[in-house]
Each structure stands twice: as C-alpha cells, then as structure tokens.
Amino acid sequence: MKTDKLRGLDPAEMQTKLKEIDEQTFRIRFQMSMGQVDGLRRLREMRRERARLLTYLRQRELEGAK
C-alpha cells in the first residue's frame, strides 16, 4: 500500500490493517515452514508496511499529546 494511503487512514483503520498484516504474515510463515510458498519478498514487504503503520500511529499519538 502506498504511503499516502496509509497516512490518510484514521487510527482505527490503521489498527485493523495491522491485524490483517499480522494474520497474513502468520499464514506466509506457516506456508514457508511447510515448503509450500517462496514468500520471502512478500514477507519483507509486509514487515515494512507494518513498520510504516506503527510509525504513523506513533506520530499521531505524539501529535495528540502536544
């Protein structure tokens, strides 16, 4: 997902997106352990997207505290 779209989400939507990413990450890791999927690229993308979401959530939290 593009960074502009991620920034446009409200915090509740970001939390929902984080849950979806966690579920997908679990599935990919499970499939990789079974030798079914070579999903290393997708796993890396999801990890980065998760980090971006957490960063945006933290930024909004800090902006709200000011």
N, C-alpha and C. Protein backbone atom coordinates (compact mmCIF):
# COMPACT_ATOMS: atom_id res chain seq x y z
N MET A 1 0.85 -1.17 0.00
CA MET A 1 0.00 0.00 0.00
C MET A 1 0.90 1.23 0.00
N LYS A 2 0.49 2.25 -0.72
CA LYS A 2 1.27 3.48 -0.82
C LYS A 2 1.25 4.24 0.50
N THR A 3 2.32 4.98 0.74
CA THR A 3 2.43 5.72 1.99
C THR A 3 1.36 6.79 2.11
N ASP A 4 0.96 7.41 1.00
CA ASP A 4 -0.08 8.43 1.05
C ASP A 4 -1.40 7.84 1.54
N LYS A 5 -1.71 6.64 1.08
CA LYS A 5 -2.94 5.99 1.51
C LYS A 5 -2.86 5.61 2.98
N LEU A 6 -1.69 5.17 3.43
CA LEU A 6 -1.53 4.79 4.83
C LEU A 6 -1.69 6.01 5.74
N ARG A 7 -1.12 7.12 5.34
CA ARG A 7 -1.24 8.34 6.15
C ARG A 7 -2.66 8.85 6.21
N GLY A 8 -3.44 8.57 5.18
CA GLY A 8 -4.82 9.04 5.12
C GLY A 8 -5.77 8.26 6.00
N LEU A 9 -5.34 7.11 6.50
CA LEU A 9 -6.21 6.29 7.34
C LEU A 9 -6.32 6.87 8.74
N ASP A 10 -7.47 6.66 9.37
CA ASP A 10 -7.58 7.07 10.76
C ASP A 10 -7.01 5.95 11.64
N PRO A 11 -6.73 6.24 12.90
CA PRO A 11 -6.08 5.25 13.77
C PRO A 11 -6.82 3.91 13.88
N ALA A 12 -8.14 3.94 13.88
CA ALA A 12 -8.89 2.68 13.97
C ALA A 12 -8.67 1.82 12.72
N GLU A 13 -8.65 2.47 11.57
CA GLU A 13 -8.39 1.74 10.32
C GLU A 13 -6.96 1.20 10.29
N MET A 14 -6.03 1.97 10.86
CA MET A 14 -4.64 1.51 10.92
C MET A 14 -4.52 0.26 11.80
N GLN A 15 -5.24 0.26 12.91
CA GLN A 15 -5.22 -0.92 13.79
C GLN A 15 -5.79 -2.14 13.08
N THR A 16 -6.86 -1.93 12.31
CA THR A 16 -7.45 -3.03 11.55
C THR A 16 -6.46 -3.55 10.51
N LYS A 17 -5.80 -2.64 9.84
CA LYS A 17 -4.80 -3.02 8.82
C LYS A 17 -3.65 -3.79 9.47
N LEU A 18 -3.24 -3.37 10.67
CA LEU A 18 -2.17 -4.09 11.38
C LEU A 18 -2.58 -5.53 11.69
N LYS A 19 -3.81 -5.72 12.10
CA LYS A 19 -4.30 -7.07 12.39
C LYS A 19 -4.29 -7.93 11.13
N GLU A 20 -4.71 -7.34 10.00
CA GLU A 20 -4.70 -8.07 8.74
C GLU A 20 -3.28 -8.47 8.34
N ILE A 21 -2.35 -7.55 8.51
CA ILE A 21 -0.96 -7.83 8.16
C ILE A 21 -0.40 -8.93 9.05
N ASP A 22 -0.72 -8.90 10.34
CA ASP A 22 -0.26 -9.94 11.25
C ASP A 22 -0.79 -11.32 10.86
N GLU A 23 -2.05 -11.37 10.47
CA GLU A 23 -2.64 -12.64 10.05
C GLU A 23 -1.99 -13.15 8.77
N GLN A 24 -1.79 -12.27 7.80
CA GLN A 24 -1.16 -12.67 6.55
C GLN A 24 0.28 -13.12 6.77
N THR A 25 0.98 -12.41 7.64
CA THR A 25 2.36 -12.78 7.96
C THR A 25 2.41 -14.18 8.56
N PHE A 26 1.50 -14.46 9.46
CA PHE A 26 1.44 -15.78 10.07
C PHE A 26 1.23 -16.86 9.01
N ARG A 27 0.28 -16.61 8.11
CA ARG A 27 -0.02 -17.59 7.06
C ARG A 27 1.18 -17.83 6.15
N ILE A 28 1.85 -16.76 5.76
CA ILE A 28 3.02 -16.90 4.88
C ILE A 28 4.14 -17.65 5.59
N ARG A 29 4.38 -17.33 6.85
CA ARG A 29 5.43 -18.04 7.59
C ARG A 29 5.10 -19.51 7.75
N PHE A 30 3.84 -19.80 7.97
CA PHE A 30 3.41 -21.19 8.10
C PHE A 30 3.63 -21.93 6.78
N GLN A 31 3.22 -21.30 5.68
CA GLN A 31 3.40 -21.93 4.37
C GLN A 31 4.87 -22.11 4.04
N MET A 32 5.70 -21.14 4.41
CA MET A 32 7.13 -21.26 4.15
C MET A 32 7.74 -22.39 4.96
N SER A 33 7.27 -22.58 6.18
CA SER A 33 7.81 -23.66 7.01
C SER A 33 7.42 -25.02 6.46
N MET A 34 6.28 -25.07 5.77
CA MET A 34 5.83 -26.32 5.16
C MET A 34 6.46 -26.51 3.77
N GLY A 35 7.17 -25.51 3.28
CA GLY A 35 7.81 -25.61 1.99
C GLY A 35 6.87 -25.38 0.82
N GLN A 36 5.73 -24.78 1.06
CA GLN A 36 4.73 -24.61 0.01
C GLN A 36 4.94 -23.33 -0.80
N VAL A 37 5.42 -22.29 -0.16
CA VAL A 37 5.47 -20.99 -0.81
C VAL A 37 6.86 -20.38 -0.63
N ASP A 38 7.32 -19.74 -1.65
CA ASP A 38 8.55 -18.97 -1.54
C ASP A 38 8.15 -17.51 -1.38
N GLY A 39 7.65 -17.15 -0.22
CA GLY A 39 7.07 -15.83 0.01
C GLY A 39 7.97 -14.86 0.72
N LEU A 40 9.28 -14.99 0.52
CA LEU A 40 10.20 -14.12 1.23
C LEU A 40 10.01 -12.65 0.86
N ARG A 41 9.81 -12.37 -0.43
CA ARG A 41 9.62 -10.99 -0.86
C ARG A 41 8.35 -10.40 -0.24
N ARG A 42 7.28 -11.17 -0.27
CA ARG A 42 6.01 -10.68 0.29
C ARG A 42 6.14 -10.48 1.80
N LEU A 43 6.87 -11.37 2.46
CA LEU A 43 7.07 -11.26 3.90
C LEU A 43 7.82 -9.97 4.24
N ARG A 44 8.82 -9.65 3.46
CA ARG A 44 9.58 -8.42 3.69
C ARG A 44 8.71 -7.19 3.46
N GLU A 45 7.91 -7.21 2.40
CA GLU A 45 7.02 -6.09 2.13
C GLU A 45 6.04 -5.87 3.27
N MET A 46 5.50 -6.96 3.80
CA MET A 46 4.53 -6.85 4.89
C MET A 46 5.20 -6.32 6.16
N ARG A 47 6.43 -6.75 6.40
CA ARG A 47 7.15 -6.27 7.57
C ARG A 47 7.36 -4.76 7.48
N ARG A 48 7.72 -4.29 6.29
CA ARG A 48 7.93 -2.85 6.09
C ARG A 48 6.63 -2.07 6.23
N GLU A 49 5.57 -2.62 5.66
CA GLU A 49 4.27 -1.94 5.75
C GLU A 49 3.81 -1.86 7.20
N ARG A 50 4.05 -2.93 7.95
CA ARG A 50 3.69 -2.94 9.37
C ARG A 50 4.47 -1.87 10.13
N ALA A 51 5.76 -1.76 9.82
CA ALA A 51 6.60 -0.75 10.48
C ALA A 51 6.12 0.66 10.14
N ARG A 52 5.73 0.87 8.88
CA ARG A 52 5.21 2.19 8.50
C ARG A 52 3.95 2.53 9.28
N LEU A 53 3.04 1.56 9.37
CA LEU A 53 1.80 1.79 10.11
C LEU A 53 2.08 2.12 11.57
N LEU A 54 2.97 1.38 12.19
CA LEU A 54 3.31 1.65 13.59
C LEU A 54 3.94 3.03 13.75
N THR A 55 4.75 3.43 12.78
CA THR A 55 5.36 4.75 12.82
C THR A 55 4.31 5.85 12.72
N TYR A 56 3.38 5.70 11.80
CA TYR A 56 2.32 6.70 11.65
C TYR A 56 1.44 6.77 12.89
N LEU A 57 1.15 5.62 13.47
CA LEU A 57 0.35 5.61 14.70
C LEU A 57 1.08 6.34 15.82
N ARG A 58 2.36 6.11 15.93
CA ARG A 58 3.16 6.77 16.98
C ARG A 58 3.22 8.27 16.74
N GLN A 59 3.37 8.69 15.48
CA GLN A 59 3.41 10.12 15.17
C GLN A 59 2.12 10.80 15.57
N ARG A 60 1.00 10.16 15.26
CA ARG A 60 -0.29 10.74 15.64
C ARG A 60 -0.47 10.77 17.15
N GLU A 61 0.04 9.76 17.82
CA GLU A 61 -0.05 9.73 19.28
C GLU A 61 0.75 10.89 19.86
N LEU A 62 1.94 11.14 19.32
CA LEU A 62 2.77 12.24 19.82
C LEU A 62 2.16 13.60 19.48
N GLU A 63 1.55 13.72 18.31
CA GLU A 63 0.90 14.98 17.94
C GLU A 63 -0.29 15.26 18.84
N GLY A 64 -1.01 14.23 19.24
CA GLY A 64 -2.14 14.39 20.12
C GLY A 64 -1.75 14.77 21.53
N ALA A 65 -0.54 14.41 21.93
CA ALA A 65 -0.08 14.70 23.29
C ALA A 65 0.37 16.15 23.43
N LYS A 66 0.62 16.83 22.31
CA LYS A 66 1.09 18.22 22.38
C LYS A 66 0.01 19.18 22.75
